[in-house]
Amino acid sequence: MFNHAVGLLIHPRQQWQALRDMSETTFKRNAPYAIVLALLPAIAWYVGTTEFGWQAAAGGVTYLAEHSALSLVGAFYFSLLIAVATIGYFIHWMSKTYDVKVDPLKGFVMASFIATPIFIAGVAGMYPQLWVNVLFVVAAVAYAVHLLYTGLPIMFDLPEERGHVFAASVVGMSMIVIASMATGLMLYWNMVSPPVFV
């Protein structure tokens, strides 16, 4: 399953073609992909905030209490999965407009593969420097958009122009999902489980 992650990062066009040629059943067996890969940023942020500390500005390093970090990272992990599931459902919903058949599970798996660079870049959360993490996130999001624009036309045998219009719709929806996820996490952190520093 994880050889797909390497393929998508190194030679995405060939990897998308290999994924397209899989049977529907084999493709859907990759459903746990996001569930497992989303653990990478969650674990990295837990370790980074409790063991190595976090430096947001020119001040000193701050650490989160382990129980607080666990609560916040758990919310972050489930938010990632909800975001991928929502984007996957949107791929399923929009597919009717482009005369391709995508069930919700296939949309979820496809969204999981698109999110691969974001999951992997989340490992940077272990390093306590804000600018490093921002750099990794921006690069990961840019590469995820590249995977989306490359993958949709290949996976659904669409002409490039129609595939790119489909991808642009998914990007627009993804921005709404990410903004909603960030807002939800902020509300959770402020109202339900505020950070406890040590």
Protein backbone atom coordinates (compact mmCIF):
# COMPACT_ATOMS: atom_id res chain seq x y z
CA MET A 1 0.00 0.00 0.00
CA PHE A 2 2.76 2.48 0.89
CA ASN A 3 4.68 1.92 -2.33
CA HIS A 4 1.93 4.13 -3.81
CA ALA A 5 3.11 7.00 -1.60
CA VAL A 6 6.65 6.73 -2.95
CA GLY A 7 5.36 6.43 -6.52
CA LEU A 8 3.14 9.49 -6.17
CA LEU A 9 6.05 11.54 -4.86
CA ILE A 10 8.66 10.38 -7.36
CA HIS A 11 6.78 9.70 -10.61
CA PRO A 12 3.13 10.72 -10.15
CA ARG A 13 1.92 10.29 -13.73
CA GLN A 14 3.08 6.65 -13.92
CA GLN A 15 1.69 5.95 -10.44
CA TRP A 16 -1.73 7.36 -11.34
CA GLN A 17 -1.74 5.18 -14.45
CA ALA A 18 -0.93 2.13 -12.32
CA LEU A 19 -3.73 3.05 -9.90
CA ARG A 20 -6.17 3.53 -12.79
CA ASP A 21 -5.37 0.06 -14.12
CA MET A 22 -6.21 -1.61 -10.79
CA SER A 23 -9.53 -3.34 -10.42
CA GLU A 24 -12.17 -1.43 -8.43
CA THR A 25 -11.91 -3.93 -5.59
CA THR A 26 -8.11 -3.67 -5.36
CA PHE A 27 -8.26 0.12 -5.51
CA LYS A 28 -10.83 0.24 -2.69
CA ARG A 29 -8.64 -2.00 -0.53
CA ASN A 30 -6.46 1.07 -0.10
CA ALA A 31 -9.13 2.69 2.12
CA PRO A 32 -6.91 2.37 5.26
CA TYR A 33 -4.17 4.38 3.49
CA ALA A 34 -5.27 7.75 4.92
CA ILE A 35 -6.12 6.27 8.31
CA VAL A 36 -2.54 5.04 8.69
CA LEU A 37 -0.69 7.87 6.90
CA ALA A 38 -2.51 10.59 8.88
CA LEU A 39 -0.83 9.16 11.97
CA LEU A 40 2.52 10.54 10.73
CA PRO A 41 1.75 14.22 11.36
CA ALA A 42 -0.23 13.42 14.51
CA ILE A 43 2.64 11.49 16.10
CA ALA A 44 5.21 14.05 14.91
CA TRP A 45 3.28 16.95 16.43
CA TYR A 46 2.77 15.05 19.67
CA VAL A 47 6.48 14.33 19.99
CA GLY A 48 7.44 17.80 18.78
CA THR A 49 5.24 19.66 21.25
CA THR A 50 5.94 17.44 24.28
CA GLU A 51 9.58 16.35 23.85
CA PHE A 52 11.31 18.98 21.70
CA GLY A 53 9.11 21.97 22.45
CA TRP A 54 7.72 24.54 20.11
CA GLN A 55 9.12 27.95 19.24
CA ALA A 56 6.54 30.19 17.57
CA ALA A 57 8.47 33.48 17.74
CA ALA A 58 11.77 34.83 18.97
CA GLY A 59 10.88 33.79 22.53
CA GLY A 60 11.88 30.63 24.32
CA VAL A 61 10.77 27.09 23.67
CA THR A 62 7.43 26.02 25.16
CA TYR A 63 6.18 22.49 25.81
CA LEU A 64 2.67 21.10 25.98
CA ALA A 65 1.61 18.83 28.81
CA GLU A 66 1.27 15.26 27.54
CA HIS A 67 -2.48 14.98 28.25
CA SER A 68 -3.12 18.32 26.54
CA ALA A 69 -1.01 17.37 23.51
CA LEU A 70 -2.81 14.03 23.23
CA SER A 71 -6.20 15.74 23.20
CA LEU A 72 -5.16 18.36 20.65
CA VAL A 73 -3.35 15.91 18.40
CA GLY A 74 -6.30 13.51 18.53
CA ALA A 75 -8.59 16.31 17.34
CA PHE A 76 -6.06 17.18 14.62
CA TYR A 77 -5.89 13.54 13.46
CA PHE A 78 -9.66 13.17 13.20
CA SER A 79 -9.91 16.55 11.46
CA LEU A 80 -7.47 15.33 8.80
CA LEU A 81 -9.56 12.21 8.21
CA ILE A 82 -12.81 14.18 8.09
CA ALA A 83 -11.25 16.61 5.59
CA VAL A 84 -10.09 13.74 3.35
CA ALA A 85 -13.50 12.03 3.59
CA THR A 86 -15.31 15.29 2.74
CA ILE A 87 -13.07 15.96 -0.26
CA GLY A 88 -13.50 12.34 -1.36
CA TYR A 89 -17.28 12.68 -1.14
CA PHE A 90 -17.07 15.88 -3.17
CA ILE A 91 -15.07 14.03 -5.87
CA HIS A 92 -17.87 11.42 -5.92
CA TRP A 93 -20.59 14.09 -6.05
CA MET A 94 -18.90 16.13 -8.81
CA SER A 95 -18.11 13.06 -10.91
CA LYS A 96 -21.72 12.95 -12.16
CA THR A 97 -21.20 16.34 -13.79
CA TYR A 98 -18.29 14.92 -15.80
CA ASP A 99 -20.02 11.65 -16.78
CA VAL A 100 -17.73 9.42 -14.74
CA LYS A 101 -18.82 6.99 -12.07
CA VAL A 102 -17.12 7.35 -8.70
CA ASP A 103 -18.61 5.90 -5.55
CA PRO A 104 -17.86 7.60 -2.19
CA LEU A 105 -15.24 5.01 -1.14
CA LYS A 106 -13.29 5.43 -4.37
CA GLY A 107 -13.46 9.21 -3.90
CA PHE A 108 -12.10 8.80 -0.36
CA VAL A 109 -9.20 6.63 -1.56
CA MET A 110 -8.41 9.09 -4.33
CA ALA A 111 -8.47 12.03 -1.90
CA SER A 112 -6.18 10.01 0.38
CA PHE A 113 -3.62 9.60 -2.39
CA ILE A 114 -3.86 13.31 -3.26
CA ALA A 115 -3.18 14.21 0.40
CA THR A 116 0.00 12.07 0.53
CA PRO A 117 2.48 15.01 0.47
CA ILE A 118 0.51 16.78 3.22
CA PHE A 119 0.63 13.72 5.48
CA ILE A 120 4.36 13.29 4.89
CA ALA A 121 5.16 17.00 5.33
CA GLY A 122 3.41 16.85 8.70
CA VAL A 123 6.48 15.06 10.05
CA ALA A 124 8.09 18.52 10.15
CA GLY A 125 5.95 19.16 13.24
CA MET A 126 8.71 17.44 15.19
CA TYR A 127 11.02 20.40 14.58
CA PRO A 128 10.19 23.41 16.79
CA GLN A 129 10.44 26.21 14.23
CA LEU A 130 7.37 27.91 12.76
CA TRP A 131 9.02 29.00 9.50
CA VAL A 132 10.19 25.44 8.76
CA ASN A 133 6.68 24.08 9.21
CA VAL A 134 5.10 26.82 7.08
CA LEU A 135 7.62 26.09 4.32
CA PHE A 136 6.86 22.36 4.42
CA VAL A 137 3.10 22.91 4.44
CA VAL A 138 3.17 25.33 1.50
CA ALA A 139 5.34 22.94 -0.55
CA ALA A 140 3.12 19.96 0.39
CA VAL A 141 -0.11 21.75 -0.55
CA ALA A 142 1.41 22.85 -3.88
CA TYR A 143 2.43 19.26 -4.63
CA ALA A 144 -0.99 17.93 -3.57
CA VAL A 145 -2.62 20.33 -6.05
CA HIS A 146 -0.18 19.05 -8.71
CA LEU A 147 -1.21 15.45 -7.87
CA LEU A 148 -4.87 16.43 -8.17
CA TYR A 149 -4.44 18.09 -11.57
CA THR A 150 -2.33 15.18 -12.80
CA GLY A 151 -4.46 12.40 -11.34
CA LEU A 152 -8.07 13.33 -12.11
CA PRO A 153 -7.76 13.26 -15.92
CA ILE A 154 -5.80 9.97 -15.77
CA MET A 155 -8.02 8.19 -13.23
CA PHE A 156 -11.27 9.07 -15.00
CA ASP A 157 -10.04 9.04 -18.62
CA LEU A 158 -11.02 12.67 -19.07
CA PRO A 159 -9.55 15.07 -21.61
CA GLU A 160 -6.99 17.37 -19.97
CA GLU A 161 -9.25 20.45 -20.14
CA ARG A 162 -12.25 18.75 -18.53
CA GLY A 163 -10.01 17.09 -15.96
CA HIS A 164 -8.51 20.44 -15.05
CA VAL A 165 -11.96 22.04 -14.64
CA PHE A 166 -12.92 19.11 -12.39
CA ALA A 167 -9.68 19.55 -10.42
CA ALA A 168 -10.29 23.31 -10.06
CA SER A 169 -13.71 22.54 -8.56
CA VAL A 170 -12.10 20.14 -6.09
CA VAL A 171 -9.47 22.75 -5.16
CA GLY A 172 -12.21 25.30 -4.46
CA MET A 173 -14.11 22.84 -2.27
CA SER A 174 -10.89 21.80 -0.53
CA MET A 175 -10.20 25.40 0.46
CA ILE A 176 -13.62 25.59 2.12
CA VAL A 177 -13.02 22.24 3.87
CA ILE A 178 -9.59 23.31 5.15
CA ALA A 179 -10.91 26.67 6.40
CA SER A 180 -13.76 24.84 8.19
CA MET A 181 -11.33 22.32 9.68
CA ALA A 182 -9.04 25.09 10.95
CA THR A 183 -11.98 26.96 12.47
CA GLY A 184 -13.27 23.79 14.12
CA LEU A 185 -9.85 23.04 15.59
CA MET A 186 -9.50 26.60 16.93
CA LEU A 187 -12.93 26.38 18.57
CA TYR A 188 -12.03 22.98 20.04
CA TRP A 189 -8.73 24.31 21.39
CA ASN A 190 -10.36 27.43 22.87
CA MET A 191 -13.63 26.03 24.20
CA VAL A 192 -13.20 22.32 24.83
CA SER A 193 -9.52 21.55 25.40
CA PRO A 194 -7.33 24.64 25.79
CA PRO A 195 -3.58 23.98 25.57
CA VAL A 196 -1.83 23.31 28.88
CA PHE A 197 1.82 24.34 28.84
CA VAL A 198 4.59 23.07 31.10
